[in-house]
Amino acid sequence: MEQRINPPTMMTVREIARTGLLSEHALRLMLKAGKLPVIYIGKKALINYDKLCAELQSLESDVSKQELPTWY
Protein backbone atom coordinates (compact mmCIF):
# COMPACT_ATOMS: atom_id res chain seq x y z
CA MET A 1 0.00 0.00 0.00
CA GLU A 2 1.51 3.28 -1.09
CA GLN A 3 1.20 6.24 1.23
CA ARG A 4 1.27 9.72 -0.29
CA ILE A 5 2.77 12.70 1.44
CA ASN A 6 1.12 16.03 0.69
CA PRO A 7 3.56 18.71 -0.48
CA PRO A 8 3.78 21.80 1.74
CA THR A 9 1.77 24.89 0.85
CA MET A 10 4.34 27.46 -0.25
CA MET A 11 3.18 31.07 -0.57
CA THR A 12 4.76 34.45 -1.21
CA VAL A 13 4.75 37.25 1.36
CA ARG A 14 1.98 39.06 -0.49
CA GLU A 15 -0.19 35.93 -0.74
CA ILE A 16 0.07 35.28 3.00
CA ALA A 17 -0.69 38.95 3.74
CA ARG A 18 -3.86 38.65 1.65
CA THR A 19 -5.09 35.82 3.93
CA GLY A 20 -5.14 38.30 6.82
CA LEU A 21 -2.84 36.19 8.99
CA LEU A 22 -0.16 38.90 9.29
CA SER A 23 0.49 42.17 7.52
CA GLU A 24 2.95 42.31 4.64
CA HIS A 25 5.19 44.63 6.66
CA ALA A 26 5.27 42.23 9.65
CA LEU A 27 6.04 39.30 7.35
CA ARG A 28 8.91 41.17 5.70
CA LEU A 29 10.36 42.11 9.11
CA MET A 30 10.18 38.48 10.23
CA LEU A 31 11.72 37.38 6.95
CA LYS A 32 14.62 39.78 7.38
CA ALA A 33 15.14 38.57 10.96
CA GLY A 34 15.23 34.94 9.76
CA LYS A 35 12.17 33.85 11.75
CA LEU A 36 10.15 32.32 8.91
CA PRO A 37 10.26 28.84 7.33
CA VAL A 38 11.35 30.07 3.88
CA ILE A 39 12.93 28.90 0.64
CA TYR A 40 14.38 31.42 -1.81
CA ILE A 41 13.89 31.00 -5.55
CA GLY A 42 16.15 33.71 -6.88
CA LYS A 43 15.06 36.81 -4.96
CA LYS A 44 11.52 35.54 -4.33
CA ALA A 45 10.83 34.17 -0.86
CA LEU A 46 8.41 31.23 -0.62
CA ILE A 47 7.13 30.66 2.90
CA ASN A 48 5.81 27.33 4.15
CA TYR A 49 2.30 28.43 5.13
CA ASP A 50 1.49 25.27 7.11
CA LYS A 51 4.60 25.59 9.31
CA LEU A 52 4.00 29.31 9.80
CA CYS A 53 0.46 28.65 11.03
CA ALA A 54 1.71 25.91 13.37
CA GLU A 55 4.41 28.17 14.82
CA LEU A 56 1.94 31.02 15.39
CA GLN A 57 -0.49 28.57 17.01
CA SER A 58 2.21 27.34 19.41
CA LEU A 59 3.11 30.94 20.30
CA GLU A 60 -0.54 31.64 21.03
CA SER A 61 -0.80 28.67 23.39
CA ASP A 62 2.44 29.70 25.16
CA VAL A 63 1.11 33.22 25.74
CA SER A 64 -2.25 31.98 27.00
CA LYS A 65 -0.50 29.89 29.71
CA GLN A 66 1.27 32.92 31.17
CA GLU A 67 -0.27 34.77 34.06
CA LEU A 68 -1.19 38.36 33.41
CA PRO A 69 0.24 40.94 35.82
CA THR A 70 -2.16 42.58 38.21
CA TRP A 71 -2.26 46.33 37.77
CA TYR A 72 -3.41 48.51 40.63
PDB file of N, CA and C in Angstrom:
ATOM      1  N   MET A   1       0.845  -1.171   0.000  1.00  0.00           N
ATOM      2  CA  MET A   1       0.000   0.000   0.000  1.00  0.00           C
ATOM      3  C   MET A   1       0.891   1.235   0.000  1.00  0.00           C
ATOM      4  N   GLU A   2       0.697   2.079  -0.951  1.00  0.00           N
ATOM      5  CA  GLU A   2       1.511   3.283  -1.092  1.00  0.00           C
ATOM      6  C   GLU A   2       0.873   4.443  -0.330  1.00  0.00           C
ATOM      7  N   GLN A   3       1.695   5.110   0.452  1.00  0.00           N
ATOM      8  CA  GLN A   3       1.200   6.244   1.233  1.00  0.00           C
ATOM      9  C   GLN A   3       1.747   7.525   0.617  1.00  0.00           C
ATOM     10  N   ARG A   4       0.863   8.455   0.325  1.00  0.00           N
ATOM     11  CA  ARG A   4       1.271   9.721  -0.291  1.00  0.00           C
ATOM     12  C   ARG A   4       1.464  10.793   0.762  1.00  0.00           C
ATOM     13  N   ILE A   5       2.489  11.575   0.559  1.00  0.00           N
ATOM     14  CA  ILE A   5       2.767  12.704   1.439  1.00  0.00           C
ATOM     15  C   ILE A   5       2.369  13.971   0.683  1.00  0.00           C
ATOM     16  N   ASN A   6       1.544  14.784   1.325  1.00  0.00           N
ATOM     17  CA  ASN A   6       1.118  16.033   0.692  1.00  0.00           C
ATOM     18  C   ASN A   6       2.268  17.033   0.686  1.00  0.00           C
ATOM     19  N   PRO A   7       2.499  17.685  -0.449  1.00  0.00           N
ATOM     20  CA  PRO A   7       3.557  18.708  -0.480  1.00  0.00           C
ATOM     21  C   PRO A   7       3.145  19.915   0.362  1.00  0.00           C
ATOM     22  N   PRO A   8       4.108  20.635   0.922  1.00  0.00           N
ATOM     23  CA  PRO A   8       3.776  21.803   1.741  1.00  0.00           C
ATOM     24  C   PRO A   8       3.179  22.926   0.890  1.00  0.00           C
ATOM     25  N   THR A   9       2.357  23.740   1.516  1.00  0.00           N
ATOM     26  CA  THR A   9       1.774  24.893   0.850  1.00  0.00           C
ATOM     27  C   THR A   9       2.771  26.042   0.932  1.00  0.00           C
ATOM     28  N   MET A  10       3.360  26.379  -0.203  1.00  0.00           N
ATOM     29  CA  MET A  10       4.339  27.459  -0.253  1.00  0.00           C
ATOM     30  C   MET A  10       3.664  28.698  -0.833  1.00  0.00           C
ATOM     31  N   MET A  11       3.823  29.832  -0.149  1.00  0.00           N
ATOM     32  CA  MET A  11       3.181  31.067  -0.573  1.00  0.00           C
ATOM     33  C   MET A  11       4.174  32.222  -0.467  1.00  0.00           C
ATOM     34  N   THR A  12       3.937  33.256  -1.274  1.00  0.00           N
ATOM     35  CA  THR A  12       4.764  34.453  -1.211  1.00  0.00           C
ATOM     36  C   THR A  12       4.309  35.327  -0.036  1.00  0.00           C
ATOM     37  N   VAL A  13       5.092  36.322   0.277  1.00  0.00           N
ATOM     38  CA  VAL A  13       4.754  37.255   1.361  1.00  0.00           C
ATOM     39  C   VAL A  13       3.411  37.914   1.076  1.00  0.00           C
ATOM     40  N   ARG A  14       3.218  38.367  -0.132  1.00  0.00           N
ATOM     41  CA  ARG A  14       1.979  39.062  -0.486  1.00  0.00           C
ATOM     42  C   ARG A  14       0.768  38.134  -0.395  1.00  0.00           C
ATOM     43  N   GLU A  15       0.923  36.881  -0.810  1.00  0.00           N
ATOM     44  CA  GLU A  15      -0.192  35.930  -0.740  1.00  0.00           C
ATOM     45  C   GLU A  15      -0.601  35.661   0.706  1.00  0.00           C
ATOM     46  N   ILE A  16       0.383  35.515   1.588  1.00  0.00           N
ATOM     47  CA  ILE A  16       0.066  35.284   3.002  1.00  0.00           C
ATOM     48  C   ILE A  16      -0.577  36.533   3.610  1.00  0.00           C
ATOM     49  N   ALA A  17      -0.095  37.705   3.230  1.00  0.00           N
ATOM     50  CA  ALA A  17      -0.687  38.947   3.743  1.00  0.00           C
ATOM     51  C   ALA A  17      -2.150  39.062   3.317  1.00  0.00           C
ATOM     52  N   ARG A  18      -2.472  38.588   2.133  1.00  0.00           N
ATOM     53  CA  ARG A  18      -3.863  38.649   1.654  1.00  0.00           C
ATOM     54  C   ARG A  18      -4.786  37.731   2.445  1.00  0.00           C
ATOM     55  N   THR A  19      -4.243  36.697   3.108  1.00  0.00           N
ATOM     56  CA  THR A  19      -5.088  35.825   3.926  1.00  0.00           C
ATOM     57  C   THR A  19      -5.530  36.517   5.203  1.00  0.00           C
ATOM     58  N   GLY A  20      -4.807  37.576   5.604  1.00  0.00           N
ATOM     59  CA  GLY A  20      -5.143  38.299   6.818  1.00  0.00           C
ATOM     60  C   GLY A  20      -4.448  37.750   8.048  1.00  0.00           C
ATOM     61  N   LEU A  21      -3.561  36.784   7.871  1.00  0.00           N
ATOM     62  CA  LEU A  21      -2.839  36.187   8.988  1.00  0.00           C
ATOM     63  C   LEU A  21      -1.905  37.202   9.643  1.00  0.00           C
ATOM     64  N   LEU A  22      -1.071  37.842   8.850  1.00  0.00           N
ATOM     65  CA  LEU A  22      -0.159  38.902   9.291  1.00  0.00           C
ATOM     66  C   LEU A  22      -0.064  39.935   8.183  1.00  0.00           C
ATOM     67  N   SER A  23       0.345  41.139   8.543  1.00  0.00           N
ATOM     68  CA  SER A  23       0.493  42.169   7.523  1.00  0.00           C
ATOM     69  C   SER A  23       1.755  41.902   6.702  1.00  0.00           C
ATOM     70  N   GLU A  24       1.789  42.473   5.510  1.00  0.00           N
ATOM     71  CA  GLU A  24       2.948  42.310   4.636  1.00  0.00           C
ATOM     72  C   GLU A  24       4.207  42.872   5.300  1.00  0.00           C
ATOM     73  N   HIS A  25       4.052  43.999   5.986  1.00  0.00           N
ATOM     74  CA  HIS A  25       5.192  44.627   6.665  1.00  0.00           C
ATOM     75  C   HIS A  25       5.738  43.708   7.759  1.00  0.00           C
ATOM     76  N   ALA A  26       4.841  43.134   8.573  1.00  0.00           N
ATOM     77  CA  ALA A  26       5.266  42.235   9.650  1.00  0.00           C
ATOM     78  C   ALA A  26       5.962  40.996   9.082  1.00  0.00           C
ATOM     79  N   LEU A  27       5.428  40.465   7.994  1.00  0.00           N
ATOM     80  CA  LEU A  27       6.043  39.296   7.354  1.00  0.00           C
ATOM     81  C   LEU A  27       7.440  39.620   6.839  1.00  0.00           C
ATOM     82  N   ARG A  28       7.584  40.792   6.232  1.00  0.00           N
ATOM     83  CA  ARG A  28       8.905  41.168   5.700  1.00  0.00           C
ATOM     84  C   ARG A  28       9.915  41.390   6.824  1.00  0.00           C
ATOM     85  N   LEU A  29       9.470  41.947   7.956  1.00  0.00           N
ATOM     86  CA  LEU A  29      10.364  42.110   9.108  1.00  0.00           C
ATOM     87  C   LEU A  29      10.799  40.748   9.657  1.00  0.00           C
ATOM     88  N   MET A  30       9.854  39.821   9.757  1.00  0.00           N
ATOM     89  CA  MET A  30      10.177  38.480  10.233  1.00  0.00           C
ATOM     90  C   MET A  30      11.092  37.753   9.257  1.00  0.00           C
ATOM     91  N   LEU A  31      10.885  37.980   7.984  1.00  0.00           N
ATOM     92  CA  LEU A  31      11.719  37.380   6.949  1.00  0.00           C
ATOM     93  C   LEU A  31      13.151  37.878   7.058  1.00  0.00           C
ATOM     94  N   LYS A  32      13.295  39.181   7.252  1.00  0.00           N
ATOM     95  CA  LYS A  32      14.620  39.778   7.381  1.00  0.00           C
ATOM     96  C   LYS A  32      15.333  39.290   8.636  1.00  0.00           C
ATOM     97  N   ALA A  33      14.572  39.043   9.708  1.00  0.00           N
ATOM     98  CA  ALA A  33      15.144  38.566  10.964  1.00  0.00           C
ATOM     99  C   ALA A  33      15.426  37.061  10.940  1.00  0.00           C
ATOM    100  N   GLY A  34      14.986  36.380   9.880  1.00  0.00           N
ATOM    101  CA  GLY A  34      15.234  34.945   9.762  1.00  0.00           C
ATOM    102  C   GLY A  34      14.315  34.094  10.616  1.00  0.00           C
ATOM    103  N   LYS A  35      13.101  34.560  10.875  1.00  0.00           N
ATOM    104  CA  LYS A  35      12.174  33.847  11.753  1.00  0.00           C
ATOM    105  C   LYS A  35      11.060  33.123  11.004  1.00  0.00           C
ATOM    106  N   LEU A  36      11.183  32.980   9.691  1.00  0.00           N
ATOM    107  CA  LEU A  36      10.146  32.315   8.911  1.00  0.00           C
ATOM    108  C   LEU A  36      10.695  31.069   8.226  1.00  0.00           C
ATOM    109  N   PRO A  37       9.852  30.026   8.087  1.00  0.00           N
ATOM    110  CA  PRO A  37      10.256  28.844   7.328  1.00  0.00           C
ATOM    111  C   PRO A  37      10.192  29.169   5.835  1.00  0.00           C
ATOM    112  N   VAL A  38      11.329  29.493   5.229  1.00  0.00           N
ATOM    113  CA  VAL A  38      11.348  30.065   3.884  1.00  0.00           C
ATOM    114  C   VAL A  38      12.348  29.352   2.981  1.00  0.00           C
ATOM    115  N   ILE A  39      12.025  29.360   1.697  1.00  0.00           N
ATOM    116  CA  ILE A  39      12.934  28.905   0.636  1.00  0.00           C
ATOM    117  C   ILE A  39      13.009  30.050  -0.357  1.00  0.00           C
ATOM    118  N   TYR A  40      14.213  30.360  -0.817  1.00  0.00           N
ATOM    119  CA  TYR A  40      14.378  31.418  -1.810  1.00  0.00           C
ATOM    120  C   TYR A  40      14.522  30.799  -3.199  1.00  0.00           C
ATOM    121  N   ILE A  41      13.763  31.331  -4.138  1.00  0.00           N
ATOM    122  CA  ILE A  41      13.887  31.002  -5.546  1.00  0.00           C
ATOM    123  C   ILE A  41      14.325  32.302  -6.209  1.00  0.00           C
ATOM    124  N   GLY A  42      15.618  32.435  -6.429  1.00  0.00           N
ATOM    125  CA  GLY A  42      16.149  33.714  -6.882  1.00  0.00           C
ATOM    126  C   GLY A  42      16.002  34.714  -5.743  1.00  0.00           C
ATOM    127  N   LYS A  43      15.325  35.814  -6.004  1.00  0.00           N
ATOM    128  CA  LYS A  43      15.065  36.812  -4.958  1.00  0.00           C
ATOM    129  C   LYS A  43      13.707  36.617  -4.291  1.00  0.00           C
ATOM    130  N   LYS A  44      12.876  35.758  -4.858  1.00  0.00           N
ATOM    131  CA  LYS A  44      11.524  35.545  -4.330  1.00  0.00           C
ATOM    132  C   LYS A  44      11.559  34.589  -3.144  1.00  0.00           C
ATOM    133  N   ALA A  45      10.909  34.990  -2.067  1.00  0.00           N
ATOM    134  CA  ALA A  45      10.829  34.167  -0.864  1.00  0.00           C
ATOM    135  C   ALA A  45       9.509  33.398  -0.881  1.00  0.00           C
ATOM    136  N   LEU A  46       9.594  32.072  -0.749  1.00  0.00           N
ATOM    137  CA  LEU A  46       8.411  31.230  -0.625  1.00  0.00           C
ATOM    138  C   LEU A  46       8.361  30.694   0.798  1.00  0.00           C
ATOM    139  N   ILE A  47       7.274  31.001   1.486  1.00  0.00           N
ATOM    140  CA  ILE A  47       7.127  30.663   2.896  1.00  0.00           C
ATOM    141  C   ILE A  47       6.222  29.445   3.022  1.00  0.00           C
ATOM    142  N   ASN A  48       6.625  28.508   3.879  1.00  0.00           N
ATOM    143  CA  ASN A  48       5.810  27.331   4.151  1.00  0.00           C
ATOM    144  C   ASN A  48       4.641  27.776   5.038  1.00  0.00           C
ATOM    145  N   TYR A  49       3.475  27.900   4.445  1.00  0.00           N
ATOM    146  CA  TYR A  49       2.297  28.425   5.128  1.00  0.00           C
ATOM    147  C   TYR A  49       1.859  27.530   6.278  1.00  0.00           C
ATOM    148  N   ASP A  50       1.923  26.212   6.075  1.00  0.00           N
ATOM    149  CA  ASP A  50       1.486  25.274   7.112  1.00  0.00           C
ATOM    150  C   ASP A  50       2.362  25.382   8.359  1.00  0.00           C
ATOM    151  N   LYS A  51       3.681  25.457   8.172  1.00  0.00           N
ATOM    152  CA  LYS A  51       4.599  25.585   9.313  1.00  0.00           C
ATOM    153  C   LYS A  51       4.432  26.933  10.004  1.00  0.00           C
ATOM    154  N   LEU A  52       4.210  27.984   9.223  1.00  0.00           N
ATOM    155  CA  LEU A  52       4.004  29.313   9.803  1.00  0.00           C
ATOM    156  C   LEU A  52       2.772  29.309  10.702  1.00  0.00           C
ATOM    157  N   CYS A  53       1.685  28.724  10.226  1.00  0.00           N
ATOM    158  CA  CYS A  53       0.457  28.652  11.030  1.00  0.00           C
ATOM    159  C   CYS A  53       0.686  27.841  12.298  1.00  0.00           C
ATOM    160  N   ALA A  54       1.432  26.740  12.195  1.00  0.00           N
ATOM    161  CA  ALA A  54       1.712  25.907  13.366  1.00  0.00           C
ATOM    162  C   ALA A  54       2.562  26.667  14.385  1.00  0.00           C
ATOM    163  N   GLU A  55       3.558  27.402  13.917  1.00  0.00           N
ATOM    164  CA  GLU A  55       4.408  28.174  14.823  1.00  0.00           C
ATOM    165  C   GLU A  55       3.613  29.272  15.518  1.00  0.00           C
ATOM    166  N   LEU A  56       2.758  29.964  14.779  1.00  0.00           N
ATOM    167  CA  LEU A  56       1.940  31.017  15.387  1.00  0.00           C
ATOM    168  C   LEU A  56       0.961  30.420  16.395  1.00  0.00           C
ATOM    169  N   GLN A  57       0.434  29.241  16.094  1.00  0.00           N
ATOM    170  CA  GLN A  57      -0.493  28.569  17.010  1.00  0.00           C
ATOM    171  C   GLN A  57       0.223  28.191  18.303  1.00  0.00           C
ATOM    172  N   SER A  58       1.467  27.712  18.203  1.00  0.00           N
ATOM    173  CA  SER A  58       2.213  27.341  19.409  1.00  0.00           C
ATOM    174  C   SER A  58       2.554  28.574  20.239  1.00  0.00           C
ATOM    175  N   LEU A  59       2.853  29.689  19.575  1.00  0.00           N
ATOM    176  CA  LEU A  59       3.114  30.938  20.301  1.00  0.00           C
ATOM    177  C   LEU A  59       1.871  31.389  21.053  1.00  0.00           C
ATOM    178  N   GLU A  60       0.724  31.231  20.411  1.00  0.00           N
ATOM    179  CA  GLU A  60      -0.537  31.638  21.029  1.00  0.00           C
ATOM    180  C   GLU A  60      -0.810  30.810  22.276  1.00  0.00           C
ATOM    181  N   SER A  61      -0.543  29.512  22.216  1.00  0.00           N
ATOM    182  CA  SER A  61      -0.795  28.666  23.387  1.00  0.00           C
ATOM    183  C   SER A  61       0.200  28.971  24.498  1.00  0.00           C
ATOM    184  N   ASP A  62       1.446  29.327  24.151  1.00  0.00           N
ATOM    185  CA  ASP A  62       2.442  29.695  25.165  1.00  0.00           C
ATOM    186  C   ASP A  62       2.033  30.976  25.884  1.00  0.00           C
ATOM    187  N   VAL A  63       1.516  31.937  25.146  1.00  0.00           N
ATOM    188  CA  VAL A  63       1.112  33.217  25.736  1.00  0.00           C
ATOM    189  C   VAL A  63      -0.110  33.036  26.624  1.00  0.00           C
ATOM    190  N   SER A  64      -1.033  32.170  26.220  1.00  0.00           N
ATOM    191  CA  SER A  64      -2.253  31.984  27.004  1.00  0.00           C
ATOM    192  C   SER A  64      -1.975  31.283  28.336  1.00  0.00           C
ATOM    193  N   LYS A  65      -0.842  30.570  28.460  1.00  0.00           N
ATOM    194  CA  LYS A  65      -0.503  29.892  29.706  1.00  0.00           C
ATOM    195  C   LYS A  65       0.126  30.836  30.724  1.00  0.00           C
ATOM    196  N   GLN A  66       0.624  31.975  30.265  1.00  0.00           N
ATOM    197  CA  GLN A  66       1.273  32.916  31.166  1.00  0.00           C
ATOM    198  C   GLN A  66       0.231  33.672  31.980  1.00  0.00           C
ATOM    199  N   GLU A  67       0.611  33.983  33.217  1.00  0.00           N
ATOM    200  CA  GLU A  67      -0.274  34.771  34.058  1.00  0.00           C
ATOM    201  C   GLU A  67      -0.119  36.242  33.705  1.00  0.00           C
ATOM    202  N   LEU A  68      -1.213  36.929  33.676  1.00  0.00           N
ATOM    203  CA  LEU A  68      -1.193  38.360  33.406  1.00  0.00           C
ATOM    204  C   LEU A  68      -0.875  39.107  34.687  1.00  0.00           C
ATOM    205  N   PRO A  69      -0.073  40.168  34.603  1.00  0.00           N
ATOM    206  CA  PRO A  69       0.240  40.937  35.820  1.00  0.00           C
ATOM    207  C   PRO A  69      -0.998  41.678  36.319  1.00  0.00           C
ATOM    208  N   THR A  70      -1.056  41.839  37.608  1.00  0.00           N
ATOM    209  CA  THR A  70      -2.158  42.575  38.212  1.00  0.00           C
ATOM    210  C   THR A  70      -1.744  44.031  38.320  1.00  0.00           C
ATOM    211  N   TRP A  71      -2.542  44.896  37.744  1.00  0.00           N
ATOM    212  CA  TRP A  71      -2.255  46.329  37.770  1.00  0.00           C
ATOM    213  C   TRP A  71      -3.187  47.005  38.760  1.00  0.00           C
ATOM    214  N   TYR A  72      -2.614  47.784  39.629  1.00  0.00           N
ATOM    215  CA  TYR A  72      -3.412  48.507  40.630  1.00  0.00           C
ATOM    216  C   TYR A  72      -3.382  49.971  40.375  1.00  0.00           C
TER     217      TYR A  72
END
